[in-house]
N, C-alpha and C. Protein backbone atom coordinates (compact mmCIF):
# COMPACT_ATOMS: atom_id res chain seq x y z
N MET A 1 50.95 12.18 189.48
CA MET A 1 50.08 12.13 190.54
C MET A 1 48.31 11.11 189.83
N ILE A 2 48.27 11.02 189.00
CA ILE A 2 47.88 10.23 188.46
C ILE A 2 48.24 8.76 188.32
N GLY A 3 49.61 8.61 188.58
CA GLY A 3 49.76 6.93 188.90
C GLY A 3 49.80 6.57 190.15
N LEU A 4 49.83 7.74 190.90
CA LEU A 4 49.80 7.73 192.66
C LEU A 4 48.21 7.39 193.29
N THR A 5 47.32 8.22 192.36
CA THR A 5 46.16 8.02 192.52
C THR A 5 45.73 6.87 192.10
N LEU A 6 46.05 6.11 191.19
CA LEU A 6 45.47 4.85 190.75
C LEU A 6 46.28 3.77 191.59
N ALA A 7 47.36 3.88 192.18
CA ALA A 7 48.21 3.08 193.08
C ALA A 7 47.23 2.98 194.19
N LEU A 8 47.07 4.10 194.63
CA LEU A 8 46.09 4.17 196.13
C LEU A 8 44.74 3.73 195.65
N PHE A 9 44.02 3.89 194.93
CA PHE A 9 43.07 2.72 194.60
C PHE A 9 42.96 1.52 194.49
N ILE A 10 44.08 1.25 193.79
CA ILE A 10 44.38 -0.23 193.90
C ILE A 10 44.75 -1.28 195.23
N MET A 11 45.33 -0.41 195.79
CA MET A 11 45.97 -0.90 197.37
C MET A 11 44.82 -0.23 198.19
N GLY A 12 43.93 0.13 198.24
CA GLY A 12 42.86 0.47 198.84
C GLY A 12 41.86 -0.07 199.25
N TYR A 13 41.19 -0.33 197.75
CA TYR A 13 40.09 -1.26 197.23
C TYR A 13 39.79 -2.18 198.25
N GLY A 14 41.04 -2.99 197.77
CA GLY A 14 40.57 -4.23 198.70
C GLY A 14 40.33 -5.83 197.66
N PHE A 15 40.81 -5.97 196.57
CA PHE A 15 40.26 -6.98 195.74
C PHE A 15 40.74 -8.37 196.64
N GLY A 16 39.07 -8.89 197.23
CA GLY A 16 39.26 -9.77 197.80
C GLY A 16 39.71 -9.59 199.26
N GLY A 17 39.98 -8.75 199.80
CA GLY A 17 40.42 -8.25 200.92
C GLY A 17 39.74 -7.67 202.03
N ASN A 18 40.28 -7.04 202.75
CA ASN A 18 39.25 -5.89 203.78
C ASN A 18 39.41 -4.41 203.21
N GLY A 19 40.92 -4.42 202.50
CA GLY A 19 40.64 -2.90 201.60
C GLY A 19 41.34 -2.12 202.35
N ARG A 20 42.51 -2.40 203.34
CA ARG A 20 43.82 -1.51 204.20
C ARG A 20 44.97 -1.00 203.59
N ILE A 21 45.76 -0.32 203.79
CA ILE A 21 46.62 0.11 203.23
C ILE A 21 47.67 -0.21 204.38
N ASN A 22 48.53 -1.26 204.17
CA ASN A 22 49.57 -1.65 205.05
C ASN A 22 50.87 -0.35 205.66
N ARG A 23 51.23 -0.64 206.42
CA ARG A 23 52.70 0.49 206.35
C ARG A 23 53.26 0.13 205.42
N PHE A 24 53.97 -0.99 204.70
CA PHE A 24 54.88 -0.82 203.53
C PHE A 24 54.49 -0.27 202.30
N GLU A 25 52.86 -0.52 201.89
CA GLU A 25 52.33 0.45 200.97
C GLU A 25 52.18 1.77 201.29
N GLY A 26 51.99 1.91 202.65
CA GLY A 26 51.89 3.62 202.79
C GLY A 26 53.44 4.30 202.70
N LEU A 27 54.53 3.48 202.98
CA LEU A 27 55.92 3.88 202.94
C LEU A 27 55.96 4.34 201.36
N VAL A 28 55.48 3.45 200.72
CA VAL A 28 55.97 3.58 199.26
C VAL A 28 55.14 4.71 198.50
N LEU A 29 53.94 4.72 198.92
CA LEU A 29 53.28 5.82 198.60
C LEU A 29 53.51 7.19 199.38
N VAL A 30 54.45 7.56 200.35
CA VAL A 30 54.68 8.91 200.76
C VAL A 30 55.97 8.66 200.10
N LEU A 31 57.08 8.19 200.14
CA LEU A 31 58.39 7.91 199.17
C LEU A 31 57.78 8.66 197.77
N CYS A 32 57.00 7.77 197.06
CA CYS A 32 56.42 8.27 195.78
C CYS A 32 56.43 9.71 195.53
N PHE A 33 55.32 10.47 196.50
CA PHE A 33 54.97 11.54 197.05
C PHE A 33 55.77 12.42 197.17
N VAL A 34 57.07 12.32 197.95
CA VAL A 34 58.15 12.76 198.25
C VAL A 34 59.26 13.16 197.06
N ALA A 35 59.22 12.07 196.48
CA ALA A 35 60.24 11.98 195.14
C ALA A 35 59.60 13.14 193.94
N TYR A 36 57.86 12.65 193.69
CA TYR A 36 57.77 14.03 193.10
C TYR A 36 57.57 15.11 193.23
N GLN A 37 57.27 15.48 194.60
CA GLN A 37 57.87 16.85 195.02
C GLN A 37 59.10 17.47 194.75
N ALA A 38 59.83 16.58 194.83
CA ALA A 38 61.51 16.94 194.77
C ALA A 38 61.50 17.10 193.44
N PHE A 39 60.98 16.43 192.49
CA PHE A 39 60.87 16.51 190.91
C PHE A 39 60.33 17.66 190.82
N LEU A 40 59.18 18.40 191.36
CA LEU A 40 58.75 19.91 190.84
C LEU A 40 59.42 20.59 191.22
N PHE A 41 60.28 20.72 192.47
CA PHE A 41 60.85 21.63 192.94
C PHE A 41 62.10 21.79 191.87
N ILE A 42 62.81 21.03 191.47
CA ILE A 42 63.98 20.80 190.74
C ILE A 42 63.22 21.17 189.35
N GLU A 43 62.28 21.21 188.57
CA GLU A 43 61.78 21.85 188.00
C GLU A 43 61.40 23.15 187.52
N VAL A 44 60.58 23.58 188.76
CA VAL A 44 60.34 24.94 189.21
C VAL A 44 61.49 25.83 188.85
N GLU A 45 62.79 25.29 189.10
CA GLU A 45 64.16 26.58 189.03
C GLU A 45 64.52 26.53 187.79
N GLU A 46 64.28 26.01 186.73
CA GLU A 46 65.02 25.78 185.34
C GLU A 46 63.89 26.72 184.95
N PRO A 47 63.03 27.11 184.47
CA PRO A 47 61.70 28.20 183.98
C PRO A 47 62.65 29.69 184.30
N ALA A 48 63.03 29.88 185.19
CA ALA A 48 63.67 31.09 186.03
C ALA A 48 64.70 31.53 185.09
N GLU A 49 65.39 30.64 185.15
CA GLU A 49 66.77 30.41 184.50
C GLU A 49 66.48 30.59 182.76
N GLN A 50 65.39 30.28 182.54
CA GLN A 50 64.89 30.51 180.80
C GLN A 50 64.34 31.75 180.70
N THR A 51 63.83 32.61 181.56
CA THR A 51 63.45 33.42 181.64
C THR A 51 64.60 34.51 181.33
N ALA A 52 65.35 34.42 182.19
CA ALA A 52 66.84 35.15 182.35
C ALA A 52 67.54 34.93 180.91
N ILE A 53 67.25 34.26 180.47
CA ILE A 53 68.22 34.04 178.94
C ILE A 53 67.22 34.83 177.90
N VAL A 54 65.79 34.72 178.23
CA VAL A 54 65.32 35.26 177.05
C VAL A 54 65.28 36.90 177.12
N ARG A 55 65.22 37.16 178.60
CA ARG A 55 65.62 38.60 178.74
C ARG A 55 66.82 39.37 177.96
N ILE A 56 67.81 38.77 178.16
CA ILE A 56 68.99 38.79 177.51
C ILE A 56 68.85 38.56 176.50
N LEU A 57 68.14 37.71 175.61
CA LEU A 57 68.05 37.92 174.23
C LEU A 57 67.48 38.92 173.66
N ASP A 58 66.50 39.32 174.60
CA ASP A 58 65.17 40.19 173.86
C ASP A 58 65.99 41.84 174.20
N GLU A 59 66.76 41.87 174.96
CA GLU A 59 67.80 43.13 175.01
C GLU A 59 69.09 43.45 173.95
N ILE A 60 69.60 42.27 173.59
CA ILE A 60 70.41 42.28 172.09
C ILE A 60 69.74 42.67 171.04
N LYS A 61 68.32 42.16 171.02
CA LYS A 61 67.34 42.44 169.77
C LYS A 61 67.33 43.85 169.25
N VAL A 62 67.05 44.70 170.87
CA VAL A 62 67.19 45.92 170.91
C VAL A 62 68.01 47.08 170.54
C-alpha cells in the first residue's frame, strides 16, 4: 500500500504538468489495488489452516 501511495503521489503531483491522472495511469493503479486485495484474500486463508494444525498439535500433547 505504501508503494501504491507513492505511485499515486508521483502520478498526481504533476511534475512540470497539470497534475492529472489519465485513464491509463488510473487503470494501472486500480489493477494494482485489485491484485493487492487478491493477495490479502489468499493470505488470510492460510492462518486458519495453521490454527487447525496448532490445535491438533495441542491435543496430541495433552
